[in-house]
Amino acid sequence: REEIRRRPTEAAVYFGLGNLLDKNNRTNEVIAVYQEAIERNPKDSILYVFLGDLYQKQNQNNKAIALYQEGIRKTERPEALYAVWANLLERQNRRDEAIAL
């Protein structure tokens, strides 16, 4: 957490803390870390990917899709968000929707 205070705009810092917490099965804390990261850096698309991936691991796919859509609206470079959204749709056998993205 000290590193976040020193470098609050660097996605890698949040990812590192999130990974550490995730390895210790502290999922709610990981979610809070990634949500904080998005609040502080709403234009960084990779942060939406981190949180969306976590939602997918919890089988909260609709929540992940809503987050990807939010990220697409707010970020300047949403390419990664389109990619993870399309991959999720493909895994759900929603290929036509994935192609339409």
N, C-alpha and C. Protein backbone atom coordinates (compact mmCIF):
# COMPACT_ATOMS: atom_id res chain seq x y z
N ARG A 1 0.82 -1.21 0.00
CA ARG A 1 0.00 0.00 0.00
C ARG A 1 0.86 1.26 0.00
N GLU A 2 2.02 1.17 0.59
CA GLU A 2 2.94 2.32 0.60
C GLU A 2 3.33 2.69 -0.83
N GLU A 3 3.55 1.69 -1.65
CA GLU A 3 3.93 1.95 -3.04
C GLU A 3 2.81 2.66 -3.79
N ILE A 4 1.57 2.34 -3.50
CA ILE A 4 0.43 3.03 -4.13
C ILE A 4 0.43 4.50 -3.73
N ARG A 5 0.75 4.78 -2.49
CA ARG A 5 0.82 6.19 -2.06
C ARG A 5 1.91 6.95 -2.82
N ARG A 6 3.00 6.25 -3.11
CA ARG A 6 4.11 6.91 -3.82
C ARG A 6 3.87 7.02 -5.32
N ARG A 7 3.18 6.01 -5.88
CA ARG A 7 2.99 5.99 -7.33
C ARG A 7 1.52 5.66 -7.67
N PRO A 8 0.62 6.57 -7.34
CA PRO A 8 -0.82 6.27 -7.47
C PRO A 8 -1.34 6.18 -8.90
N THR A 9 -0.54 6.55 -9.88
CA THR A 9 -1.02 6.50 -11.26
C THR A 9 -0.44 5.33 -12.05
N GLU A 10 0.33 4.46 -11.41
CA GLU A 10 0.96 3.35 -12.12
C GLU A 10 0.18 2.06 -11.93
N ALA A 11 -0.36 1.56 -13.03
CA ALA A 11 -1.19 0.35 -12.99
C ALA A 11 -0.43 -0.84 -12.42
N ALA A 12 0.84 -0.94 -12.71
CA ALA A 12 1.62 -2.09 -12.25
C ALA A 12 1.64 -2.21 -10.73
N VAL A 13 1.60 -1.10 -10.05
CA VAL A 13 1.60 -1.11 -8.58
C VAL A 13 0.31 -1.76 -8.07
N TYR A 14 -0.80 -1.38 -8.65
CA TYR A 14 -2.09 -1.96 -8.24
C TYR A 14 -2.14 -3.44 -8.61
N PHE A 15 -1.62 -3.77 -9.78
CA PHE A 15 -1.62 -5.16 -10.21
C PHE A 15 -0.79 -6.02 -9.27
N GLY A 16 0.36 -5.51 -8.85
CA GLY A 16 1.21 -6.25 -7.92
C GLY A 16 0.51 -6.51 -6.59
N LEU A 17 -0.11 -5.49 -6.04
CA LEU A 17 -0.83 -5.66 -4.78
C LEU A 17 -2.02 -6.59 -4.98
N GLY A 18 -2.74 -6.42 -6.08
CA GLY A 18 -3.88 -7.29 -6.37
C GLY A 18 -3.47 -8.75 -6.48
N ASN A 19 -2.35 -9.01 -7.15
CA ASN A 19 -1.86 -10.38 -7.28
C ASN A 19 -1.51 -10.98 -5.92
N LEU A 20 -0.84 -10.20 -5.10
CA LEU A 20 -0.46 -10.66 -3.77
C LEU A 20 -1.70 -11.01 -2.94
N LEU A 21 -2.67 -10.12 -2.96
CA LEU A 21 -3.91 -10.37 -2.22
C LEU A 21 -4.66 -11.57 -2.77
N ASP A 22 -4.67 -11.70 -4.10
CA ASP A 22 -5.37 -12.81 -4.74
C ASP A 22 -4.75 -14.15 -4.35
N LYS A 23 -3.43 -14.20 -4.28
CA LYS A 23 -2.75 -15.44 -3.88
C LYS A 23 -3.10 -15.84 -2.45
N ASN A 24 -3.53 -14.87 -1.67
CA ASN A 24 -3.92 -15.13 -0.29
C ASN A 24 -5.44 -15.20 -0.14
N ASN A 25 -6.13 -15.41 -1.26
CA ASN A 25 -7.60 -15.57 -1.28
C ASN A 25 -8.33 -14.40 -0.61
N ARG A 26 -7.86 -13.21 -0.85
CA ARG A 26 -8.48 -12.02 -0.29
C ARG A 26 -9.19 -11.25 -1.41
N THR A 27 -10.14 -11.93 -2.02
CA THR A 27 -10.79 -11.46 -3.23
C THR A 27 -11.46 -10.11 -3.05
N ASN A 28 -12.18 -9.91 -1.95
CA ASN A 28 -12.86 -8.63 -1.75
C ASN A 28 -11.87 -7.47 -1.69
N GLU A 29 -10.70 -7.72 -1.12
CA GLU A 29 -9.67 -6.69 -1.07
C GLU A 29 -9.08 -6.42 -2.45
N VAL A 30 -8.94 -7.46 -3.24
CA VAL A 30 -8.45 -7.29 -4.62
C VAL A 30 -9.42 -6.40 -5.39
N ILE A 31 -10.70 -6.70 -5.27
CA ILE A 31 -11.72 -5.89 -5.95
C ILE A 31 -11.61 -4.44 -5.51
N ALA A 32 -11.47 -4.21 -4.21
CA ALA A 32 -11.36 -2.84 -3.69
C ALA A 32 -10.12 -2.13 -4.25
N VAL A 33 -9.01 -2.85 -4.34
CA VAL A 33 -7.76 -2.26 -4.88
C VAL A 33 -7.96 -1.86 -6.33
N TYR A 34 -8.55 -2.74 -7.13
CA TYR A 34 -8.75 -2.43 -8.54
C TYR A 34 -9.78 -1.32 -8.73
N GLN A 35 -10.81 -1.30 -7.90
CA GLN A 35 -11.79 -0.21 -7.99
C GLN A 35 -11.14 1.13 -7.64
N GLU A 36 -10.29 1.13 -6.62
CA GLU A 36 -9.56 2.35 -6.27
C GLU A 36 -8.67 2.79 -7.42
N ALA A 37 -8.02 1.83 -8.05
CA ALA A 37 -7.15 2.14 -9.18
C ALA A 37 -7.93 2.81 -10.30
N ILE A 38 -9.12 2.29 -10.59
CA ILE A 38 -9.95 2.86 -11.66
C ILE A 38 -10.43 4.26 -11.26
N GLU A 39 -10.79 4.44 -10.00
CA GLU A 39 -11.22 5.78 -9.54
C GLU A 39 -10.10 6.79 -9.71
N ARG A 40 -8.88 6.40 -9.41
CA ARG A 40 -7.74 7.31 -9.51
C ARG A 40 -7.24 7.50 -10.94
N ASN A 41 -7.46 6.49 -11.77
CA ASN A 41 -6.93 6.50 -13.14
C ASN A 41 -7.99 6.01 -14.11
N PRO A 42 -9.10 6.72 -14.26
CA PRO A 42 -10.22 6.21 -15.06
C PRO A 42 -9.93 6.09 -16.56
N LYS A 43 -8.83 6.63 -17.02
CA LYS A 43 -8.52 6.54 -18.45
C LYS A 43 -7.53 5.44 -18.78
N ASP A 44 -7.12 4.66 -17.78
CA ASP A 44 -6.16 3.58 -18.00
C ASP A 44 -6.91 2.28 -18.25
N SER A 45 -6.96 1.85 -19.49
CA SER A 45 -7.78 0.70 -19.87
C SER A 45 -7.34 -0.61 -19.21
N ILE A 46 -6.06 -0.77 -18.93
CA ILE A 46 -5.59 -2.03 -18.36
C ILE A 46 -6.20 -2.28 -16.98
N LEU A 47 -6.53 -1.23 -16.26
CA LEU A 47 -7.13 -1.39 -14.95
C LEU A 47 -8.51 -2.03 -15.05
N TYR A 48 -9.25 -1.67 -16.09
CA TYR A 48 -10.56 -2.30 -16.33
C TYR A 48 -10.38 -3.77 -16.69
N VAL A 49 -9.30 -4.07 -17.41
CA VAL A 49 -9.02 -5.46 -17.75
C VAL A 49 -8.73 -6.27 -16.49
N PHE A 50 -7.91 -5.72 -15.58
CA PHE A 50 -7.59 -6.42 -14.33
C PHE A 50 -8.86 -6.78 -13.57
N LEU A 51 -9.73 -5.78 -13.36
CA LEU A 51 -10.95 -6.02 -12.58
C LEU A 51 -11.92 -6.91 -13.34
N GLY A 52 -12.04 -6.71 -14.62
CA GLY A 52 -12.92 -7.56 -15.42
C GLY A 52 -12.49 -9.02 -15.40
N ASP A 53 -11.18 -9.26 -15.45
CA ASP A 53 -10.68 -10.63 -15.37
C ASP A 53 -11.06 -11.27 -14.03
N LEU A 54 -10.96 -10.49 -12.97
CA LEU A 54 -11.34 -11.00 -11.66
C LEU A 54 -12.83 -11.34 -11.61
N TYR A 55 -13.66 -10.47 -12.17
CA TYR A 55 -15.09 -10.75 -12.24
C TYR A 55 -15.35 -12.04 -13.04
N GLN A 56 -14.61 -12.22 -14.13
CA GLN A 56 -14.79 -13.44 -14.92
C GLN A 56 -14.41 -14.68 -14.12
N LYS A 57 -13.34 -14.61 -13.34
CA LYS A 57 -12.94 -15.74 -12.51
C LYS A 57 -14.03 -16.10 -11.50
N GLN A 58 -14.80 -15.11 -11.10
CA GLN A 58 -15.89 -15.33 -10.15
C GLN A 58 -17.20 -15.68 -10.87
N ASN A 59 -17.12 -15.85 -12.18
CA ASN A 59 -18.28 -16.14 -13.01
C ASN A 59 -19.33 -15.02 -12.97
N GLN A 60 -18.86 -13.80 -12.81
CA GLN A 60 -19.71 -12.62 -12.85
C GLN A 60 -19.53 -11.95 -14.21
N ASN A 61 -19.89 -12.69 -15.24
CA ASN A 61 -19.62 -12.24 -16.60
C ASN A 61 -20.37 -10.98 -16.99
N ASN A 62 -21.60 -10.83 -16.54
CA ASN A 62 -22.35 -9.61 -16.86
C ASN A 62 -21.70 -8.39 -16.23
N LYS A 63 -21.17 -8.57 -15.03
CA LYS A 63 -20.48 -7.47 -14.36
C LYS A 63 -19.20 -7.12 -15.12
N ALA A 64 -18.51 -8.14 -15.61
CA ALA A 64 -17.29 -7.90 -16.40
C ALA A 64 -17.62 -7.14 -17.68
N ILE A 65 -18.68 -7.55 -18.37
CA ILE A 65 -19.07 -6.88 -19.61
C ILE A 65 -19.44 -5.43 -19.35
N ALA A 66 -20.20 -5.18 -18.30
CA ALA A 66 -20.58 -3.80 -17.96
C ALA A 66 -19.34 -2.96 -17.67
N LEU A 67 -18.36 -3.56 -17.00
CA LEU A 67 -17.13 -2.85 -16.70
C LEU A 67 -16.35 -2.56 -17.98
N TYR A 68 -16.27 -3.53 -18.89
CA TYR A 68 -15.57 -3.30 -20.15
C TYR A 68 -16.24 -2.17 -20.94
N GLN A 69 -17.57 -2.16 -20.95
CA GLN A 69 -18.30 -1.10 -21.64
C GLN A 69 -18.00 0.26 -21.01
N GLU A 70 -17.95 0.32 -19.69
CA GLU A 70 -17.61 1.57 -19.01
C GLU A 70 -16.21 2.02 -19.41
N GLY A 71 -15.28 1.08 -19.40
CA GLY A 71 -13.91 1.41 -19.76
C GLY A 71 -13.79 1.91 -21.19
N ILE A 72 -14.55 1.32 -22.08
CA ILE A 72 -14.53 1.75 -23.48
C ILE A 72 -14.99 3.19 -23.60
N ARG A 73 -15.99 3.56 -22.81
CA ARG A 73 -16.49 4.95 -22.83
C ARG A 73 -15.48 5.93 -22.23
N LYS A 74 -14.71 5.49 -21.24
CA LYS A 74 -13.86 6.42 -20.49
C LYS A 74 -12.41 6.48 -20.93
N THR A 75 -11.93 5.43 -21.59
CA THR A 75 -10.50 5.40 -21.90
C THR A 75 -10.22 5.91 -23.31
N GLU A 76 -8.99 6.29 -23.51
CA GLU A 76 -8.58 6.80 -24.81
C GLU A 76 -8.11 5.68 -25.74
N ARG A 77 -7.70 4.56 -25.18
CA ARG A 77 -7.21 3.42 -25.96
C ARG A 77 -7.93 2.16 -25.51
N PRO A 78 -9.15 1.95 -26.00
CA PRO A 78 -9.96 0.83 -25.51
C PRO A 78 -9.74 -0.51 -26.22
N GLU A 79 -8.71 -0.63 -27.04
CA GLU A 79 -8.53 -1.84 -27.83
C GLU A 79 -8.50 -3.11 -26.99
N ALA A 80 -7.77 -3.07 -25.87
CA ALA A 80 -7.67 -4.26 -25.02
C ALA A 80 -9.03 -4.63 -24.44
N LEU A 81 -9.84 -3.63 -24.16
CA LEU A 81 -11.17 -3.90 -23.61
C LEU A 81 -12.07 -4.58 -24.63
N TYR A 82 -12.00 -4.13 -25.87
CA TYR A 82 -12.76 -4.81 -26.93
C TYR A 82 -12.30 -6.27 -27.05
N ALA A 83 -11.00 -6.50 -26.95
CA ALA A 83 -10.46 -7.85 -27.10
C ALA A 83 -10.94 -8.78 -25.98
N VAL A 84 -10.85 -8.33 -24.73
CA VAL A 84 -11.27 -9.22 -23.64
C VAL A 84 -12.78 -9.42 -23.65
N TRP A 85 -13.53 -8.39 -24.04
CA TRP A 85 -14.99 -8.52 -24.15
C TRP A 85 -15.34 -9.54 -25.24
N ALA A 86 -14.69 -9.43 -26.38
CA ALA A 86 -14.95 -10.37 -27.47
C ALA A 86 -14.58 -11.80 -27.07
N ASN A 87 -13.47 -11.97 -26.36
CA ASN A 87 -13.08 -13.30 -25.90
C ASN A 87 -14.11 -13.89 -24.94
N LEU A 88 -14.63 -13.06 -24.07
CA LEU A 88 -15.66 -13.51 -23.13
C LEU A 88 -16.92 -13.94 -23.89
N LEU A 89 -17.34 -13.13 -24.84
CA LEU A 89 -18.51 -13.49 -25.64
C LEU A 89 -18.29 -14.79 -26.39
N GLU A 90 -17.10 -14.97 -26.93
CA GLU A 90 -16.78 -16.21 -27.66
C GLU A 90 -16.89 -17.42 -26.73
N ARG A 91 -16.37 -17.31 -25.51
CA ARG A 91 -16.46 -18.41 -24.56
C ARG A 91 -17.91 -18.72 -24.18
N GLN A 92 -18.77 -17.73 -24.32
CA GLN A 92 -20.19 -17.91 -24.03
C GLN A 92 -20.97 -18.36 -25.28
N ASN A 93 -20.24 -18.70 -26.32
CA ASN A 93 -20.85 -19.10 -27.60
C ASN A 93 -21.73 -18.00 -28.19
N ARG A 94 -21.30 -16.78 -28.01
CA ARG A 94 -22.01 -15.62 -28.56
C ARG A 94 -21.12 -15.00 -29.64
N ARG A 95 -20.75 -15.84 -30.61
CA ARG A 95 -19.77 -15.45 -31.64
C ARG A 95 -20.23 -14.27 -32.48
N ASP A 96 -21.52 -14.25 -32.84
CA ASP A 96 -22.00 -13.14 -33.67
C ASP A 96 -21.82 -11.79 -32.95
N GLU A 97 -22.09 -11.78 -31.66
CA GLU A 97 -21.89 -10.55 -30.88
C GLU A 97 -20.42 -10.19 -30.80
N ALA A 98 -19.57 -11.21 -30.63
CA ALA A 98 -18.12 -10.96 -30.56
C ALA A 98 -17.61 -10.37 -31.87
N ILE A 99 -18.08 -10.92 -32.98
CA ILE A 99 -17.66 -10.43 -34.30
C ILE A 99 -18.14 -9.00 -34.51
N ALA A 100 -19.34 -8.69 -34.02
CA ALA A 100 -19.90 -7.35 -34.21
C ALA A 100 -19.14 -6.26 -33.46
N LEU A 101 -18.39 -6.65 -32.45
CA LEU A 101 -17.62 -5.65 -31.72
C LEU A 101 -16.56 -5.06 -32.61
